[in-house]
Amino acid sequence: MGFFTSLAGIAAPVFLIVSPVLSYADQAISMHRTKSSAGFSLDIPLIMLVASLFRIFYYPGAKYDFALLIQSFCNVFMQVILLKIALEHRTPKGSEAAIPFAGSQETGLRRPYNFWQWRSPKPYWQFLLYMFITLTALELLLAPFDSIYPTYSTLIGYIGLSVEATLPLPQLYANSQSKSCKGFRFSVLASWIVGDSMKMFWFFTATTEIPLAFKLCGVFQAVCDALIGVQYFVYGNGAPPPKAAHEDWELAGKSSRSSSNGWQAPIGRRTPAGEKSHH
């Protein structure tokens, strides 16, 4: 057991540092080659950038393992590149593949001020800049106050790690809605699962400082990643199955019957879900 613990203490930090590049380089190259970000959710860079920035500002108060801090900086670097490529190669306006959680619009769920669904790239970068400035200002203002700063540091740590733990949720939702994992790279899934395995073993055997927040959120994320693995096995990465033709005939029949009885039939059609997001 001591040998494996020592091995994990060396291999896990190295893997965690390079994992942001290993996980998303293939996705970025694929979008650049195809000139399309269809199947990729813009929520992924949002979640990872917010989580990584909060983790970076959590470090002065928590002094957690330095490898996790380096990983946060690598995450910011990779996700900025990924966001830029995804915004440059978005599908045309009106296509659901370009809108994260597009299927939720059928249920009336909308984001306030179309948050993170803007058509212009500028608001994305403005939001990230304002968040960085706010975190920097709070750090400078609260750091001198010993009675307040530890609580603040712990708070932003749990917020950042909780946000990161939600990373698989957009993919779980998209896969369940489309009954397909199309657009989600297997290389990303494999790196997630391998990374979760190494991370969990290291978190619970490391001799360096690993706060409880990292462990709790890491376990939740590992469970979600495992569920995505099950979805990939069940659904595959082919195109989503077409809607059954009998649904259209049923809707048409109901419309005819309603019109013949003097009731006005609702006008409209169901919008196909289209390609959903990755991770």
Protein backbone atom coordinates (compact mmCIF):
# COMPACT_ATOMS: atom_id res chain seq x y z
CA MET A 1 0.00 0.00 0.00
CA GLY A 2 2.89 2.33 0.78
CA PHE A 3 4.31 1.83 -2.73
CA PHE A 4 1.02 2.71 -4.43
CA THR A 5 0.57 5.71 -2.16
CA SER A 6 4.03 6.99 -3.04
CA LEU A 7 3.41 6.33 -6.75
CA ALA A 8 0.09 8.17 -6.64
CA GLY A 9 1.75 11.04 -4.79
CA ILE A 10 4.06 11.48 -7.79
CA ALA A 11 1.88 10.49 -10.75
CA ALA A 12 -1.43 12.06 -9.68
CA PRO A 13 -0.14 15.66 -9.32
CA VAL A 14 1.61 15.44 -12.71
CA PHE A 15 -1.50 14.04 -14.36
CA LEU A 16 -3.72 16.68 -12.76
CA ILE A 17 -1.47 19.48 -14.01
CA VAL A 18 -1.50 18.27 -17.63
CA SER A 19 -5.09 16.99 -17.59
CA PRO A 20 -6.66 20.31 -18.75
CA VAL A 21 -4.63 20.07 -21.96
CA LEU A 22 -5.08 16.31 -22.35
CA SER A 23 -8.82 16.56 -21.78
CA TYR A 24 -9.70 19.42 -24.11
CA ALA A 25 -6.95 19.68 -26.75
CA ASP A 26 -8.65 17.02 -28.85
CA GLN A 27 -11.99 18.84 -28.55
CA ALA A 28 -10.41 22.16 -29.57
CA ILE A 29 -8.60 20.63 -32.55
CA SER A 30 -11.79 18.89 -33.68
CA MET A 31 -13.81 22.14 -33.62
CA HIS A 32 -11.05 24.00 -35.43
CA ARG A 33 -10.81 21.37 -38.17
CA THR A 34 -14.55 21.05 -38.74
CA LYS A 35 -15.14 24.81 -38.34
CA SER A 36 -18.10 23.97 -36.14
CA SER A 37 -18.77 23.84 -32.39
CA ALA A 38 -22.02 21.90 -32.84
CA GLY A 39 -22.33 19.35 -30.08
CA PHE A 40 -20.17 21.36 -27.67
CA SER A 41 -21.77 23.27 -24.82
CA LEU A 42 -20.49 26.76 -24.06
CA ASP A 43 -21.40 25.96 -20.45
CA ILE A 44 -18.21 23.89 -20.20
CA PRO A 45 -15.79 26.86 -20.45
CA LEU A 46 -18.11 28.87 -18.20
CA ILE A 47 -18.07 26.27 -15.44
CA MET A 48 -14.35 25.59 -15.66
CA LEU A 49 -13.29 29.25 -15.84
CA VAL A 50 -15.47 30.29 -12.89
CA ALA A 51 -14.34 27.29 -10.83
CA SER A 52 -10.65 27.76 -11.66
CA LEU A 53 -10.63 31.48 -10.88
CA PHE A 54 -12.32 30.86 -7.53
CA ARG A 55 -9.82 28.08 -6.77
CA ILE A 56 -6.90 30.40 -7.55
CA PHE A 57 -8.21 33.00 -5.09
CA TYR A 58 -8.89 30.22 -2.55
CA TYR A 59 -5.20 29.31 -2.39
CA PRO A 60 -3.89 32.21 -0.23
CA GLY A 61 -6.25 31.24 2.58
CA ALA A 62 -6.15 27.44 2.24
CA LYS A 63 -2.53 26.82 1.15
CA TYR A 64 -3.59 23.55 -0.48
CA ASP A 65 -1.24 21.35 -2.54
CA PHE A 66 0.67 23.47 -5.05
CA ALA A 67 -0.07 21.04 -7.90
CA LEU A 68 -3.77 21.90 -7.63
CA LEU A 69 -2.96 25.60 -7.96
CA ILE A 70 -0.90 24.98 -11.11
CA GLN A 71 -3.78 22.90 -12.47
CA SER A 72 -6.13 25.85 -11.95
CA PHE A 73 -3.89 28.13 -14.02
CA CYS A 74 -3.65 25.47 -16.75
CA ASN A 75 -7.44 25.19 -16.72
CA VAL A 76 -7.84 28.93 -17.24
CA PHE A 77 -5.37 28.91 -20.12
CA MET A 78 -7.01 25.94 -21.88
CA GLN A 79 -10.60 27.04 -21.35
CA VAL A 80 -9.93 30.53 -22.72
CA ILE A 81 -8.59 28.93 -25.90
CA LEU A 82 -11.54 26.53 -26.04
CA LEU A 83 -14.07 29.33 -25.55
CA LYS A 84 -12.46 31.42 -28.30
CA ILE A 85 -12.58 28.54 -30.79
CA ALA A 86 -16.16 27.63 -29.84
CA LEU A 87 -17.34 31.23 -30.27
CA GLU A 88 -15.58 31.59 -33.62
CA HIS A 89 -17.19 28.44 -35.01
CA ARG A 90 -20.69 28.59 -33.58
CA THR A 91 -23.53 27.32 -35.73
CA PRO A 92 -25.71 30.01 -37.40
CA LYS A 93 -28.26 31.94 -35.37
CA GLY A 94 -31.44 29.99 -34.88
CA SER A 95 -29.75 26.61 -34.69
CA GLU A 96 -30.38 24.86 -31.40
CA ALA A 97 -26.97 23.20 -31.49
CA ALA A 98 -25.43 26.57 -30.66
CA ILE A 99 -27.53 27.09 -27.54
CA PRO A 100 -26.72 25.16 -24.33
CA PHE A 101 -29.80 23.46 -22.86
CA ALA A 102 -31.76 24.32 -26.02
CA GLY A 103 -34.31 21.67 -25.21
CA SER A 104 -35.17 23.42 -21.97
CA GLN A 105 -36.79 26.24 -23.93
CA GLU A 106 -39.70 23.93 -24.67
CA THR A 107 -40.42 23.85 -20.95
CA GLY A 108 -40.19 27.61 -20.62
CA LEU A 109 -36.81 27.68 -18.84
CA ARG A 110 -34.89 30.81 -19.80
CA ARG A 111 -31.78 32.43 -18.42
CA PRO A 112 -31.99 35.99 -17.08
CA TYR A 113 -30.65 38.46 -19.64
CA ASN A 114 -29.81 35.48 -21.91
CA PHE A 115 -26.81 34.83 -19.70
CA TRP A 116 -24.03 33.00 -21.54
CA GLN A 117 -26.25 32.69 -24.61
CA TRP A 118 -25.24 35.99 -26.17
CA ARG A 119 -24.72 36.14 -29.91
CA SER A 120 -21.82 38.59 -29.72
CA PRO A 121 -18.50 37.28 -28.32
CA LYS A 122 -17.79 40.54 -26.45
CA PRO A 123 -20.11 39.97 -23.43
CA TYR A 124 -18.41 36.63 -22.67
CA TRP A 125 -15.00 38.26 -22.25
CA GLN A 126 -16.48 41.22 -20.38
CA PHE A 127 -18.13 38.92 -17.85
CA LEU A 128 -14.87 37.05 -17.22
CA LEU A 129 -12.91 40.30 -16.87
CA TYR A 130 -15.42 41.80 -14.42
CA MET A 131 -15.40 38.60 -12.33
CA PHE A 132 -11.59 38.63 -12.16
CA ILE A 133 -11.54 42.30 -11.15
CA THR A 134 -14.18 41.68 -8.45
CA LEU A 135 -12.29 38.72 -6.97
CA THR A 136 -9.04 40.69 -6.98
CA ALA A 137 -10.66 43.67 -5.26
CA LEU A 138 -12.25 41.47 -2.56
CA GLU A 139 -8.94 39.71 -1.97
CA LEU A 140 -7.11 42.99 -1.46
CA LEU A 141 -9.85 44.44 0.75
CA LEU A 142 -10.46 41.43 3.02
CA ALA A 143 -7.00 39.86 3.30
CA PRO A 144 -5.84 42.29 6.07
CA PHE A 145 -8.82 41.37 8.31
CA ASP A 146 -7.97 38.15 10.14
CA SER A 147 -11.45 37.86 11.63
CA ILE A 148 -13.19 37.87 8.24
CA TYR A 149 -10.71 36.57 5.68
CA PRO A 150 -10.65 32.86 6.70
CA THR A 151 -14.43 32.65 6.37
CA TYR A 152 -14.35 34.46 3.03
CA SER A 153 -11.55 32.21 1.73
CA THR A 154 -13.42 29.06 2.73
CA LEU A 155 -16.60 30.38 1.13
CA ILE A 156 -15.06 31.08 -2.28
CA GLY A 157 -13.29 27.72 -2.09
CA TYR A 158 -16.53 25.82 -1.62
CA ILE A 159 -18.26 27.93 -4.27
CA GLY A 160 -15.53 27.29 -6.83
CA LEU A 161 -15.28 23.57 -6.17
CA SER A 162 -19.06 23.18 -6.11
CA VAL A 163 -19.28 24.90 -9.50
CA GLU A 164 -16.59 22.59 -10.85
CA ALA A 165 -18.48 19.58 -9.52
CA THR A 166 -21.44 20.53 -11.72
CA LEU A 167 -19.29 20.22 -14.87
CA PRO A 168 -20.78 16.85 -15.95
CA LEU A 169 -24.41 17.95 -15.39
CA PRO A 170 -24.89 19.75 -18.75
CA GLN A 171 -23.58 16.65 -20.53
CA LEU A 172 -25.77 14.30 -18.50
CA TYR A 173 -28.82 16.43 -19.31
CA ALA A 174 -27.97 16.79 -23.01
CA ASN A 175 -27.34 13.06 -23.43
CA SER A 176 -30.58 12.11 -21.70
CA GLN A 177 -32.57 14.55 -23.83
CA SER A 178 -31.11 13.50 -27.19
CA LYS A 179 -30.57 9.81 -26.32
CA SER A 180 -27.15 10.18 -27.90
CA CYS A 181 -23.59 11.21 -27.02
CA LYS A 182 -22.88 12.66 -30.47
CA GLY A 183 -20.41 15.54 -30.33
CA PHE A 184 -18.90 14.32 -27.05
CA ARG A 185 -15.33 13.13 -27.58
CA PHE A 186 -14.49 9.74 -26.12
CA SER A 187 -11.01 11.06 -25.32
CA VAL A 188 -12.58 13.60 -22.96
CA LEU A 189 -14.64 10.93 -21.20
CA ALA A 190 -11.62 8.64 -20.86
CA SER A 191 -9.48 11.41 -19.39
CA TRP A 192 -12.23 12.30 -16.94
CA ILE A 193 -12.66 8.76 -15.65
CA VAL A 194 -8.93 8.04 -15.43
CA GLY A 195 -8.39 11.41 -13.79
CA ASP A 196 -11.18 10.79 -11.28
CA SER A 197 -9.65 7.45 -10.30
CA MET A 198 -6.20 8.89 -9.74
CA LYS A 199 -7.56 12.01 -8.07
CA MET A 200 -9.73 10.13 -5.58
CA PHE A 201 -6.91 7.80 -4.57
CA TRP A 202 -4.51 10.74 -4.17
CA PHE A 203 -6.98 12.95 -2.30
CA PHE A 204 -7.59 10.32 0.38
CA THR A 205 -3.98 9.10 0.74
CA ALA A 206 -1.95 12.29 0.20
CA THR A 207 0.30 13.56 2.96
CA THR A 208 0.06 17.14 1.67
CA GLU A 209 -2.83 19.49 2.44
CA ILE A 210 -6.02 18.55 0.58
CA PRO A 211 -9.02 20.46 2.03
CA LEU A 212 -12.28 18.60 2.65
CA ALA A 213 -13.98 20.69 -0.04
CA PHE A 214 -11.77 19.11 -2.72
CA LYS A 215 -12.68 15.62 -1.51
CA LEU A 216 -16.44 16.15 -1.28
CA CYS A 217 -16.78 17.84 -4.64
CA GLY A 218 -14.38 15.37 -6.23
CA VAL A 219 -16.53 12.41 -5.16
CA PHE A 220 -19.68 14.03 -6.57
CA GLN A 221 -17.98 14.76 -9.88
CA ALA A 222 -16.59 11.23 -10.12
CA VAL A 223 -20.09 9.77 -9.71
CA CYS A 224 -21.45 12.05 -12.44
CA ASP A 225 -18.59 11.14 -14.79
CA ALA A 226 -19.31 7.47 -14.21
CA LEU A 227 -22.97 8.06 -15.16
CA ILE A 228 -21.85 9.72 -18.41
CA GLY A 229 -19.76 6.63 -19.07
CA VAL A 230 -22.90 4.53 -18.69
CA GLN A 231 -24.75 6.85 -21.09
CA TYR A 232 -21.93 6.54 -23.65
CA PHE A 233 -22.16 2.75 -23.42
CA VAL A 234 -25.96 2.74 -23.74
CA TYR A 235 -26.51 5.52 -26.31
CA GLY A 236 -23.26 5.46 -28.30
CA ASN A 237 -21.96 8.49 -30.16
CA GLY A 238 -24.13 8.21 -33.26
CA ALA A 239 -26.77 10.67 -34.40
CA PRO A 240 -29.81 11.10 -32.11
CA PRO A 241 -32.71 8.83 -33.08
CA PRO A 242 -35.36 10.59 -35.21
CA LYS A 243 -38.71 11.29 -33.64
CA ALA A 244 -41.28 8.67 -34.42
CA ALA A 245 -43.46 9.51 -37.37
CA HIS A 246 -46.60 8.48 -35.51
CA GLU A 247 -46.16 11.49 -33.18
CA ASP A 248 -46.63 13.85 -36.12
CA TRP A 249 -49.68 11.89 -37.34
CA GLU A 250 -51.10 11.92 -33.82
CA LEU A 251 -50.64 15.68 -33.54
CA ALA A 252 -52.19 16.19 -36.98
CA GLY A 253 -55.13 13.98 -36.05
CA LYS A 254 -55.75 15.90 -32.84
CA SER A 255 -55.60 19.17 -34.77
CA SER A 256 -58.18 17.95 -37.30
CA ARG A 257 -60.53 16.70 -34.62
CA SER A 258 -60.24 19.96 -32.68
CA SER A 259 -60.97 22.02 -35.78
CA SER A 260 -63.98 19.87 -36.73
CA ASN A 261 -65.49 20.35 -33.27
CA GLY A 262 -65.27 24.12 -33.54
CA TRP A 263 -62.19 24.47 -31.32
CA GLN A 264 -59.18 26.33 -32.66
CA ALA A 265 -56.19 24.04 -32.89
CA PRO A 266 -52.86 25.40 -31.60
CA ILE A 267 -50.57 26.50 -34.39
CA GLY A 268 -46.93 25.45 -34.25
CA ARG A 269 -44.67 22.46 -34.38
CA ARG A 270 -42.27 20.66 -32.17
CA THR A 271 -38.69 21.69 -32.66
CA PRO A 272 -36.25 18.81 -32.95
CA ALA A 273 -33.66 18.72 -30.23
CA GLY A 274 -30.72 18.68 -32.67
CA GLU A 275 -27.20 18.05 -31.59
CA LYS A 276 -26.56 18.66 -27.96
CA SER A 277 -23.55 19.70 -26.04
CA HIS A 278 -20.49 17.92 -25.04
CA HIS A 279 -18.44 18.18 -22.01
